[in-house]
C-alpha atoms as a PDB file:
ATOM      1  CA  MET A   1     112.433   5.092  32.690  1.00  0.00           C
ATOM      2  CA  THR A   2     110.554   1.894  31.894  1.00  0.00           C
ATOM      3  CA  VAL A   3     106.783   1.644  31.715  1.00  0.00           C
ATOM      4  CA  ALA A   4     106.796  -0.711  34.701  1.00  0.00           C
ATOM      5  CA  SER A   5     108.883   1.519  36.960  1.00  0.00           C
ATOM      6  CA  PRO A   6     107.140   2.693  40.125  1.00  0.00           C
ATOM      7  CA  GLU A   7     108.196   6.279  39.366  1.00  0.00           C
ATOM      8  CA  PHE A   8     106.629   6.247  35.891  1.00  0.00           C
ATOM      9  CA  LEU A   9     103.370   4.757  37.165  1.00  0.00           C
ATOM     10  CA  ALA A  10     103.222   7.138  40.153  1.00  0.00           C
ATOM     11  CA  GLY A  11     103.703  10.004  37.713  1.00  0.00           C
ATOM     12  CA  LEU A  12     100.720   8.869  35.630  1.00  0.00           C
ATOM     13  CA  VAL A  13      98.494   8.725  38.700  1.00  0.00           C
ATOM     14  CA  GLY A  14      99.827  11.981  40.131  1.00  0.00           C
ATOM     15  CA  ASP A  15      99.223  13.869  36.881  1.00  0.00           C
ATOM     16  CA  ALA A  16      95.687  12.479  36.656  1.00  0.00           C
ATOM     17  CA  ARG A  17      94.855  13.437  40.231  1.00  0.00           C
ATOM     18  CA  ALA A  18      96.270  16.934  39.641  1.00  0.00           C
ATOM     19  CA  ASP A  19      93.856  17.185  36.696  1.00  0.00           C
ATOM     20  CA  GLY A  20      90.909  16.279  38.957  1.00  0.00           C
ATOM     21  CA  VAL A  21      90.484  12.728  37.677  1.00  0.00           C
ATOM     22  CA  THR A  22      88.800  10.470  40.241  1.00  0.00           C
ATOM     23  CA  ARG A  23      88.711   7.035  38.535  1.00  0.00           C
ATOM     24  CA  PHE A  24      91.294   5.096  36.567  1.00  0.00           C
ATOM     25  CA  VAL A  25      90.948   2.446  33.869  1.00  0.00           C
ATOM     26  CA  ALA A  26      93.701   0.257  32.398  1.00  0.00           C
ATOM     27  CA  ALA A  27      93.411  -0.822  28.747  1.00  0.00           C
ATOM     28  CA  ALA A  28      95.398  -3.250  26.590  1.00  0.00           C
ATOM     29  CA  VAL A  29      96.345  -2.952  22.938  1.00  0.00           C
ATOM     30  CA  VAL A  30      96.675  -6.643  22.045  1.00  0.00           C
ATOM     31  CA  THR A  31      97.923  -7.342  18.534  1.00  0.00           C
ATOM     32  CA  ASP A  32      98.163 -10.393  16.321  1.00  0.00           C
ATOM     33  CA  ALA A  33     100.256  -9.695  13.233  1.00  0.00           C
ATOM     34  CA  ASP A  34      98.903  -6.341  12.003  1.00  0.00           C
ATOM     35  CA  ARG A  35      95.500  -6.617  13.673  1.00  0.00           C
ATOM     36  CA  VAL A  36      94.307  -5.307  17.034  1.00  0.00           C
ATOM     37  CA  LEU A  37      91.864  -7.027  19.390  1.00  0.00           C
ATOM     38  CA  LEU A  38      88.607  -5.138  19.941  1.00  0.00           C
ATOM     39  CA  VAL A  39      85.641  -6.112  22.093  1.00  0.00           C
ATOM     40  CA  ARG A  40      82.081  -4.801  21.773  1.00  0.00           C
ATOM     41  CA  ARG A  41      80.042  -3.496  24.702  1.00  0.00           C
ATOM     42  CA  LYS A  42      76.672  -5.179  25.193  1.00  0.00           C
ATOM     43  CA  GLN A  43      73.716  -3.111  23.948  1.00  0.00           C
ATOM     44  CA  GLY A  44      72.249  -2.458  27.410  1.00  0.00           C
ATOM     45  CA  ASP A  45      75.566  -1.310  28.912  1.00  0.00           C
ATOM     46  CA  PHE A  46      76.964   2.209  29.193  1.00  0.00           C
ATOM     47  CA  MET A  47      78.066   3.122  25.639  1.00  0.00           C
ATOM     48  CA  GLY A  48      76.452  -0.106  24.391  1.00  0.00           C
ATOM     49  CA  GLY A  49      77.430  -1.285  20.915  1.00  0.00           C
ATOM     50  CA  LEU A  50      80.728   0.603  20.917  1.00  0.00           C
ATOM     51  CA  TRP A  51      83.886  -1.330  20.126  1.00  0.00           C
ATOM     52  CA  GLU A  52      86.761  -0.805  22.545  1.00  0.00           C
ATOM     53  CA  LEU A  53      90.042  -2.178  23.781  1.00  0.00           C
ATOM     54  CA  PRO A  54      89.962  -4.747  26.592  1.00  0.00           C
ATOM     55  CA  SER A  55      89.923  -2.530  29.677  1.00  0.00           C
ATOM     56  CA  GLY A  56      88.602  -2.088  33.160  1.00  0.00           C
ATOM     57  CA  LYS A  57      88.586  -0.148  36.372  1.00  0.00           C
ATOM     58  CA  VAL A  58      91.625   0.009  38.635  1.00  0.00           C
ATOM     59  CA  GLU A  59      90.239  -1.195  41.968  1.00  0.00           C
ATOM     60  CA  ASP A  60      91.086   0.399  45.331  1.00  0.00           C
ATOM     61  CA  GLY A  61      94.504  -0.765  46.495  1.00  0.00           C
ATOM     62  CA  GLU A  62      95.397  -2.083  43.033  1.00  0.00           C
ATOM     63  CA  GLY A  63      98.137  -0.755  40.757  1.00  0.00           C
ATOM     64  CA  ILE A  64      97.544   0.195  37.121  1.00  0.00           C
ATOM     65  CA  LEU A  65      99.537  -2.736  35.755  1.00  0.00           C
ATOM     66  CA  GLU A  66      97.874  -5.176  38.152  1.00  0.00           C
ATOM     67  CA  ALA A  67      94.507  -4.000  36.817  1.00  0.00           C
ATOM     68  CA  LEU A  68      95.773  -4.295  33.243  1.00  0.00           C
ATOM     69  CA  HIS A  69      96.720  -7.945  33.752  1.00  0.00           C
ATOM     70  CA  ARG A  70      93.535  -8.780  35.676  1.00  0.00           C
ATOM     71  CA  GLU A  71      91.095  -7.022  33.358  1.00  0.00           C
ATOM     72  CA  THR A  72      92.673  -8.440  30.190  1.00  0.00           C
ATOM     73  CA  ALA A  73      92.370 -11.947  31.603  1.00  0.00           C
ATOM     74  CA  GLU A  74      88.827 -11.393  32.934  1.00  0.00           C
ATOM     75  CA  GLU A  75      87.468  -9.867  29.719  1.00  0.00           C
ATOM     76  CA  THR A  76      89.257 -11.979  27.106  1.00  0.00           C
ATOM     77  CA  GLY A  77      90.732 -15.058  28.767  1.00  0.00           C
ATOM     78  CA  LEU A  78      94.157 -13.950  27.483  1.00  0.00           C
ATOM     79  CA  THR A  79      97.198 -13.697  29.740  1.00  0.00           C
ATOM     80  CA  VAL A  80      99.434 -10.635  29.431  1.00  0.00           C
ATOM     81  CA  GLU A  81     103.007 -11.809  29.059  1.00  0.00           C
ATOM     82  CA  ALA A  82     104.700  -8.388  28.868  1.00  0.00           C
ATOM     83  CA  VAL A  83     103.789  -4.712  28.920  1.00  0.00           C
ATOM     84  CA  ARG A  84     105.735  -3.047  26.128  1.00  0.00           C
ATOM     85  CA  ASP A  85     104.792   0.608  26.258  1.00  0.00           C
ATOM     86  CA  CYS A  86     102.301   3.185  27.460  1.00  0.00           C
ATOM     87  CA  VAL A  87     100.667   4.406  24.245  1.00  0.00           C
ATOM     88  CA  GLY A  88      98.725   7.204  25.903  1.00  0.00           C
ATOM     89  CA  HIS A  89      95.640   8.130  27.838  1.00  0.00           C
ATOM     90  CA  PHE A  90      92.346   9.967  27.517  1.00  0.00           C
ATOM     91  CA  ASP A  91      89.687  11.261  29.879  1.00  0.00           C
ATOM     92  CA  TYR A  92      85.933  10.737  29.744  1.00  0.00           C
ATOM     93  CA  ALA A  93      82.844  11.088  31.912  1.00  0.00           C
ATOM     94  CA  ASP A  94      81.826   7.704  33.276  1.00  0.00           C
ATOM     95  CA  SER A  95      78.252   6.434  33.742  1.00  0.00           C
ATOM     96  CA  ARG A  96      78.025   8.248  37.095  1.00  0.00           C
ATOM     97  CA  GLY A  97      79.318  11.553  35.701  1.00  0.00           C
ATOM     98  CA  GLY A  98      82.741  11.193  37.327  1.00  0.00           C
ATOM     99  CA  SER A  99      85.999  11.940  35.577  1.00  0.00           C
ATOM    100  CA  THR A 100      87.812   8.800  34.413  1.00  0.00           C
ATOM    101  CA  ARG A 101      91.243   8.500  32.808  1.00  0.00           C
ATOM    102  CA  GLN A 102      91.998   5.464  30.666  1.00  0.00           C
ATOM    103  CA  PHE A 103      95.683   4.543  30.593  1.00  0.00           C
ATOM    104  CA  THR A 104      96.420   2.428  27.528  1.00  0.00           C
ATOM    105  CA  PHE A 105      99.366   0.046  27.171  1.00  0.00           C
ATOM    106  CA  SER A 106     100.630  -2.102  24.310  1.00  0.00           C
ATOM    107  CA  VAL A 107     101.070  -5.669  25.510  1.00  0.00           C
ATOM    108  CA  THR A 108     102.077  -9.098  24.331  1.00  0.00           C
ATOM    109  CA  VAL A 109     100.000 -12.094  25.374  1.00  0.00           C
ATOM    110  CA  GLU A 110     100.994 -15.707  25.895  1.00  0.00           C
ATOM    111  CA  ARG A 111      98.640 -16.780  23.080  1.00  0.00           C
ATOM    112  CA  THR A 112      96.070 -14.932  20.984  1.00  0.00           C
ATOM    113  CA  ALA A 113      93.404 -17.642  20.982  1.00  0.00           C
ATOM    114  CA  PRO A 114      90.919 -18.572  22.088  1.00  0.00           C
ATOM    115  CA  VAL A 115      89.367 -15.256  23.097  1.00  0.00           C
ATOM    116  CA  VAL A 116      86.796 -15.994  25.809  1.00  0.00           C
ATOM    117  CA  LEU A 117      84.401 -13.109  26.458  1.00  0.00           C
ATOM    118  CA  THR A 118      82.748 -12.538  29.830  1.00  0.00           C
ATOM    119  CA  GLU A 119      81.553  -8.917  29.668  1.00  0.00           C
ATOM    120  CA  HIS A 120      81.201  -8.171  25.945  1.00  0.00           C
ATOM    121  CA  ASP A 121      79.017  -9.641  23.219  1.00  0.00           C
ATOM    122  CA  ALA A 122      81.584  -9.893  20.406  1.00  0.00           C
ATOM    123  CA  HIS A 123      85.263  -9.571  19.573  1.00  0.00           C
ATOM    124  CA  GLN A 124      87.256  -9.088  16.412  1.00  0.00           C
ATOM    125  CA  TRP A 125      90.828  -8.775  15.255  1.00  0.00           C
ATOM    126  CA  ALA A 126      90.589  -5.497  13.356  1.00  0.00           C
ATOM    127  CA  ASP A 127      92.828  -3.883  10.784  1.00  0.00           C
ATOM    128  CA  PRO A 128      93.777  -0.445  12.193  1.00  0.00           C
ATOM    129  CA  ALA A 129      93.029   1.071   8.769  1.00  0.00           C
ATOM    130  CA  GLY A 130      89.421  -0.214   8.828  1.00  0.00           C
ATOM    131  CA  LEU A 131      88.179  -0.041  12.390  1.00  0.00           C
ATOM    132  CA  PRO A 132      84.548  -0.648  13.378  1.00  0.00           C
ATOM    133  CA  PRO A 133      82.771   2.066  15.448  1.00  0.00           C
ATOM    134  CA  VAL A 134      85.249   3.045  18.187  1.00  0.00           C
ATOM    135  CA  SER A 135      85.604   6.320  20.042  1.00  0.00           C
ATOM    136  CA  ASP A 136      87.854   8.970  18.503  1.00  0.00           C
ATOM    137  CA  ALA A 137      90.189   8.590  21.488  1.00  0.00           C
ATOM    138  CA  VAL A 138      90.583   4.834  20.936  1.00  0.00           C
ATOM    139  CA  ARG A 139      91.054   5.391  17.200  1.00  0.00           C
ATOM    140  CA  ALA A 140      93.879   7.861  17.917  1.00  0.00           C
ATOM    141  CA  LEU A 141      95.618   5.469  20.337  1.00  0.00           C
ATOM    142  CA  ILE A 142      95.435   2.525  17.953  1.00  0.00           C
ATOM    143  CA  GLY A 143      96.950   4.682  15.226  1.00  0.00           C
ATOM    144  CA  ARG A 144     100.099   5.348  17.254  1.00  0.00           C
END
């Protein structure tokens, strides 16, 4: 079953709902050679200063992959060309105390530059062996 198949995606959502998850986030692992794109949350934001993968909320009526494409473009100015694989997921409590599951996908983009930030205060192409401060969950996903 491919990552883009409706059955695979419905299974991800169904499993999350069965686990009591109420919100979904789609995240992109964008690479350039051996480096991965990370963006840093603004200091005043929830989890401010933390480096993360480009990601964002799946809106009502929107599919996971639609959100992945939209959020990657909105946050970085990069256009997802292909979704290669689902590298995993993790759950966390969001700023309102709800249960959120982040689904993370490896992607290719049409071009890797320029990165144009709209919601973060910095970006970097990081070596997976020397990551800046990221959550343990993001660190584990990047290492796959």
